[in-house]
Amino acid sequence: MIKTILPPAALCLFLASVAVRAAPPQPLTIYGDDGYPPYSYVEDGQMKGIYTDILREALRAMPQYQVRLLPVPWKRGVLMMQAGDAFALYPPYKLAGERPTVTYSIPLLTEHVVVFCNQDVAARRPLASWPLDYRGLRIGLNAGFLVGDEAYHAAVKSGALVVDAVKGTRSNLLKLMRGRIDCYINDRLSVQSELQRLHGEGQLVPSMLAVRETAQLASQQGYLGYGPALPATAPYRADFIARFNAVIAQMQRSGAIARIVERAVPH
């Protein structure tokens, strides 16, 4: 009988690989915004959206972890993340000087805040210079939506722009296409996704005005945000962050994230 004797270093690597294969995956929970379509939302009791799909694909490449994705109202989720009551939350923006207890992943996706106007306004004005060419127009906005553009805030304060805020992307788009507002500010993919949904439901009728994008105001990147380090309850935190960042970087290089966006909002 021939015996194979491994050198000490090789034996250590062999035993380590056996231990990794034998170890059960670490269970943990990540929370997501429950009301931010098409990025992160609940439908039929399930988490859906672009960020949700990005996370699910990334996590399939991380078999060391068994992750549940659970919905949470956004403001509550942010408080949980900042206090360390949530291991992680998606998709916060990285705001300078704010949320000092939060650690962020590498960026998952770039979102673009844009202006859409109806065809009547676009036919009457050049709309080439923001906000100068928009003076006197009625601007729709989702209630609670924060526009970071300084020129916008100055124009609103001076009365050059009239803001009409209501709840929801659908309500604003219907007002825009019915001529009750002139333009509408929101995230580009949110608008495109809702327009496709309205079209699919047969809600767009010939009497409605067509809309088109006329200006881009800002860009923001979404992240996976981690609560404060808690070694006693989450000793795997540093390992998870490193693995997740590596997988997201690979997905960006391979075009996997771009394909997820295209499936969600096809052009």
Protein backbone atom coordinates (compact mmCIF):
# COMPACT_ATOMS: atom_id res chain seq x y z
CA MET A 1 0.00 0.00 0.00
CA ILE A 2 1.40 3.40 -1.05
CA LYS A 3 0.87 6.30 1.31
CA THR A 4 0.91 9.93 0.12
CA ILE A 5 2.39 12.35 2.61
CA LEU A 6 1.61 16.01 2.01
CA PRO A 7 4.13 18.67 3.00
CA PRO A 8 2.93 20.81 5.96
CA ALA A 9 2.00 23.86 3.84
CA ALA A 10 0.00 21.81 1.35
CA LEU A 11 -1.70 19.95 4.20
CA CYS A 12 -2.80 23.24 5.77
CA LEU A 13 -4.25 24.43 2.47
CA PHE A 14 -6.05 21.11 1.99
CA LEU A 15 -7.56 21.18 5.47
CA ALA A 16 -8.59 24.82 5.03
CA SER A 17 -10.34 24.05 1.74
CA VAL A 18 -12.17 21.11 3.36
CA ALA A 19 -13.28 23.37 6.23
CA VAL A 20 -14.55 26.03 3.81
CA ARG A 21 -16.55 23.44 1.87
CA ALA A 22 -17.96 21.96 5.07
CA ALA A 23 -18.92 25.27 6.71
CA PRO A 24 -22.59 26.19 6.28
CA PRO A 25 -23.30 29.60 4.70
CA GLN A 26 -23.58 32.52 7.10
CA PRO A 27 -27.19 33.75 7.30
CA LEU A 28 -27.80 37.51 7.32
CA THR A 29 -30.43 40.05 6.30
CA ILE A 30 -30.13 43.04 3.99
CA TYR A 31 -32.93 45.59 3.80
CA GLY A 32 -34.09 47.44 0.70
CA ASP A 33 -36.29 50.47 0.03
CA ASP A 34 -39.86 49.20 -0.35
CA GLY A 35 -41.12 52.05 -2.55
CA TYR A 36 -38.58 53.19 -5.13
CA PRO A 37 -39.52 51.71 -8.53
CA PRO A 38 -37.91 50.71 -10.81
CA TYR A 39 -34.91 50.48 -8.49
CA SER A 40 -36.18 48.86 -5.30
CA TYR A 41 -39.78 48.07 -4.44
CA VAL A 42 -42.26 45.43 -3.30
CA GLU A 43 -44.61 43.64 -5.68
CA ASP A 44 -46.77 40.68 -4.68
CA GLY A 45 -44.88 40.53 -1.39
CA GLN A 46 -41.49 40.16 -3.08
CA MET A 47 -38.55 42.55 -3.34
CA LYS A 48 -38.02 43.62 -6.95
CA GLY A 49 -36.18 46.30 -8.91
CA ILE A 50 -32.85 47.06 -10.54
CA TYR A 51 -30.85 47.24 -7.31
CA THR A 52 -32.54 44.09 -6.03
CA ASP A 53 -31.54 42.23 -9.20
CA ILE A 54 -27.96 43.54 -8.92
CA LEU A 55 -27.73 42.28 -5.34
CA ARG A 56 -29.25 38.89 -6.16
CA GLU A 57 -26.81 38.30 -9.00
CA ALA A 58 -23.86 39.41 -6.86
CA LEU A 59 -24.91 37.21 -3.95
CA ARG A 60 -25.08 34.13 -6.18
CA ALA A 61 -21.30 34.53 -6.51
CA MET A 62 -20.95 34.59 -2.70
CA PRO A 63 -22.01 31.10 -1.53
CA GLN A 64 -20.39 31.76 1.85
CA TYR A 65 -23.49 33.82 2.73
CA GLN A 66 -27.20 33.04 2.80
CA VAL A 67 -28.86 36.44 2.47
CA ARG A 68 -32.49 37.46 2.88
CA LEU A 69 -33.60 40.67 1.15
CA LEU A 70 -36.39 42.31 3.12
CA PRO A 71 -38.38 45.48 2.37
CA VAL A 72 -38.47 48.46 4.71
CA PRO A 73 -39.90 51.99 4.51
CA TRP A 74 -36.97 54.17 3.50
CA LYS A 75 -36.79 56.54 6.48
CA ARG A 76 -37.04 53.64 8.92
CA GLY A 77 -34.38 51.72 7.04
CA VAL A 78 -31.94 54.64 7.17
CA LEU A 79 -32.41 54.95 10.93
CA MET A 80 -31.86 51.20 11.35
CA MET A 81 -28.70 51.33 9.22
CA GLN A 82 -27.25 54.33 11.07
CA ALA A 83 -27.94 52.75 14.47
CA GLY A 84 -26.48 49.38 13.50
CA ASP A 85 -29.86 47.65 13.82
CA ALA A 86 -29.60 46.67 10.14
CA PHE A 87 -26.49 44.97 8.77
CA ALA A 88 -26.96 46.72 5.43
CA LEU A 89 -29.47 48.76 3.42
CA TYR A 90 -29.83 49.58 -0.27
CA PRO A 91 -29.62 51.98 -2.08
CA PRO A 92 -28.48 55.04 -0.06
CA TYR A 93 -26.59 57.89 -1.67
CA LYS A 94 -23.22 58.88 -0.20
CA LEU A 95 -23.85 62.36 1.20
CA ALA A 96 -20.81 64.42 2.23
CA GLY A 97 -20.73 65.01 5.97
CA GLU A 98 -23.87 62.97 6.62
CA ARG A 99 -24.30 59.47 8.06
CA PRO A 100 -20.82 59.27 9.62
CA THR A 101 -21.54 55.82 11.07
CA VAL A 102 -22.23 54.27 7.66
CA THR A 103 -19.73 52.39 5.48
CA TYR A 104 -20.49 52.29 1.75
CA SER A 105 -19.84 49.70 -0.92
CA ILE A 106 -18.38 50.70 -4.23
CA PRO A 107 -21.09 52.39 -6.37
CA LEU A 108 -23.72 50.04 -7.74
CA LEU A 109 -25.33 52.35 -10.29
CA THR A 110 -25.50 56.00 -11.37
CA GLU A 111 -28.93 57.64 -11.39
CA HIS A 112 -29.69 60.81 -13.36
CA VAL A 113 -32.13 63.55 -12.35
CA VAL A 114 -33.61 65.08 -15.49
CA VAL A 115 -36.35 67.40 -16.72
CA PHE A 116 -39.15 66.14 -18.98
CA CYS A 117 -41.47 68.63 -20.71
CA ASN A 118 -44.59 68.13 -22.81
CA GLN A 119 -44.66 68.79 -26.53
CA ASP A 120 -46.64 72.03 -26.27
CA VAL A 121 -43.94 73.67 -24.14
CA ALA A 122 -41.11 72.19 -26.21
CA ALA A 123 -42.68 73.64 -29.38
CA ARG A 124 -42.91 77.15 -27.90
CA ARG A 125 -39.48 77.39 -26.23
CA PRO A 126 -35.91 76.32 -27.01
CA LEU A 127 -35.42 74.87 -23.48
CA ALA A 128 -31.67 74.84 -24.11
CA SER A 129 -30.57 76.68 -20.97
CA TRP A 130 -31.63 75.52 -17.49
CA PRO A 131 -33.34 77.24 -15.71
CA LEU A 132 -33.35 80.46 -17.78
CA ASP A 133 -35.49 79.06 -20.62
CA TYR A 134 -37.95 77.59 -18.10
CA ARG A 135 -38.94 80.82 -16.36
CA GLY A 136 -42.67 81.03 -15.61
CA LEU A 137 -43.31 77.33 -16.22
CA ARG A 138 -45.18 75.00 -13.88
CA ILE A 139 -42.74 72.33 -12.72
CA GLY A 140 -44.06 69.02 -11.41
CA LEU A 141 -42.24 67.21 -8.62
CA ASN A 142 -42.84 64.11 -6.51
CA ALA A 143 -43.77 65.09 -2.98
CA GLY A 144 -40.65 64.67 -0.83
CA PHE A 145 -38.28 64.45 -3.82
CA LEU A 146 -35.10 66.44 -3.18
CA VAL A 147 -33.56 68.31 -6.11
CA GLY A 148 -29.89 69.05 -5.44
CA ASP A 149 -29.51 71.54 -8.29
CA GLU A 150 -28.61 75.00 -6.89
CA ALA A 151 -29.91 76.84 -9.96
CA TYR A 152 -33.29 75.18 -9.43
CA HIS A 153 -33.49 76.32 -5.81
CA ALA A 154 -32.53 79.88 -6.72
CA ALA A 155 -35.18 79.99 -9.46
CA VAL A 156 -37.87 78.66 -7.10
CA LYS A 157 -36.93 81.13 -4.39
CA SER A 158 -37.12 84.05 -6.83
CA GLY A 159 -40.49 82.89 -8.17
CA ALA A 160 -39.12 82.20 -11.66
CA LEU A 161 -40.30 78.59 -11.39
CA VAL A 162 -43.65 77.49 -9.99
CA VAL A 163 -43.45 74.09 -8.28
CA ASP A 164 -46.45 71.75 -8.12
CA ALA A 165 -45.61 68.71 -5.97
CA VAL A 166 -47.88 65.65 -5.78
CA LYS A 167 -47.29 62.08 -4.68
CA GLY A 168 -46.05 59.59 -7.22
CA THR A 169 -44.44 59.42 -10.64
CA ARG A 170 -47.63 58.24 -12.35
CA SER A 171 -49.71 61.17 -11.09
CA ASN A 172 -47.10 63.65 -12.27
CA LEU A 173 -46.73 62.07 -15.70
CA LEU A 174 -50.49 62.06 -16.27
CA LYS A 175 -50.62 65.74 -15.29
CA LEU A 176 -47.73 66.47 -17.68
CA MET A 177 -49.36 64.68 -20.60
CA ARG A 178 -52.70 66.36 -19.94
CA GLY A 179 -51.06 69.79 -19.94
CA ARG A 180 -51.77 70.54 -16.27
CA ILE A 181 -48.05 71.05 -15.66
CA ASP A 182 -45.40 72.09 -18.19
CA CYS A 183 -42.38 70.07 -17.08
CA TYR A 184 -41.54 67.38 -14.55
CA ILE A 185 -38.31 66.67 -12.63
CA ASN A 186 -37.46 63.12 -11.60
CA ASP A 187 -35.01 60.26 -12.09
CA ARG A 188 -34.68 59.29 -15.77
CA LEU A 189 -35.26 55.54 -15.37
CA SER A 190 -38.20 56.09 -13.01
CA VAL A 191 -39.92 58.19 -15.69
CA GLN A 192 -39.07 55.82 -18.53
CA SER A 193 -40.26 52.81 -16.53
CA GLU A 194 -43.58 54.43 -15.61
CA LEU A 195 -44.19 55.54 -19.21
CA GLN A 196 -43.70 51.95 -20.36
CA ARG A 197 -46.08 50.73 -17.65
CA LEU A 198 -48.76 53.25 -18.66
CA HIS A 199 -48.37 52.23 -22.29
CA GLY A 200 -48.68 48.54 -21.41
CA GLU A 201 -51.87 49.22 -19.44
CA GLY A 202 -53.42 51.16 -22.29
CA GLN A 203 -53.49 54.38 -20.27
CA LEU A 204 -51.92 56.53 -23.00
CA VAL A 205 -54.58 57.94 -25.32
CA PRO A 206 -54.16 60.05 -28.51
CA SER A 207 -55.36 63.24 -26.79
CA MET A 208 -52.40 63.15 -24.39
CA LEU A 209 -49.32 65.25 -25.09
CA ALA A 210 -46.03 63.53 -25.89
CA VAL A 211 -43.11 64.21 -23.54
CA ARG A 212 -39.37 64.46 -24.05
CA GLU A 213 -36.28 64.91 -21.92
CA THR A 214 -34.96 68.48 -22.10
CA ALA A 215 -32.25 68.84 -19.44
CA GLN A 216 -30.11 66.84 -17.01
CA LEU A 217 -29.76 68.42 -13.58
CA ALA A 218 -27.70 66.04 -11.48
CA SER A 219 -26.34 62.53 -11.03
CA GLN A 220 -26.28 60.40 -7.90
CA GLN A 221 -24.80 56.98 -7.25
CA GLY A 222 -26.58 54.30 -5.26
CA TYR A 223 -24.68 52.07 -2.82
CA LEU A 224 -25.09 49.24 -0.38
CA GLY A 225 -24.74 50.95 2.98
CA TYR A 226 -23.49 49.10 6.07
CA GLY A 227 -24.28 50.01 9.65
CA PRO A 228 -21.57 50.53 12.30
CA ALA A 229 -19.06 47.73 12.83
CA LEU A 230 -20.38 45.26 15.40
CA PRO A 231 -17.69 42.56 15.81
CA ALA A 232 -19.68 40.64 18.40
CA THR A 233 -22.76 40.18 16.23
CA ALA A 234 -21.23 40.41 12.74
CA PRO A 235 -17.60 39.19 12.79
CA TYR A 236 -17.95 38.44 9.07
CA ARG A 237 -18.63 42.11 8.19
CA ALA A 238 -15.19 42.94 6.74
CA ASP A 239 -15.11 39.70 4.73
CA PHE A 240 -18.59 40.34 3.30
CA ILE A 241 -17.74 43.91 2.30
CA ALA A 242 -14.54 42.86 0.53
CA ARG A 243 -16.19 39.98 -1.32
CA PHE A 244 -19.22 42.07 -2.32
CA ASN A 245 -17.07 44.91 -3.67
CA ALA A 246 -15.01 42.46 -5.72
CA VAL A 247 -18.10 40.86 -7.24
CA ILE A 248 -19.71 44.23 -8.08
CA ALA A 249 -16.49 45.41 -9.75
CA GLN A 250 -16.47 42.25 -11.87
CA MET A 251 -20.14 42.74 -12.79
CA GLN A 252 -19.35 46.28 -13.92
CA ARG A 253 -16.44 45.10 -16.08
CA SER A 254 -18.46 42.30 -17.65
CA GLY A 255 -21.49 44.47 -18.43
CA ALA A 256 -23.76 42.44 -16.15
CA ILE A 257 -25.13 45.55 -14.42
CA ALA A 258 -25.83 47.27 -17.74
CA ARG A 259 -27.76 44.18 -18.85
CA ILE A 260 -29.85 44.24 -15.66
CA VAL A 261 -30.79 47.87 -16.34
CA GLU A 262 -31.65 47.09 -19.97
CA ARG A 263 -33.93 44.21 -18.94
CA ALA A 264 -35.71 46.43 -16.44
CA VAL A 265 -36.18 49.44 -18.74
CA PRO A 266 -35.58 48.32 -22.35
CA HIS A 267 -35.00 51.11 -24.87
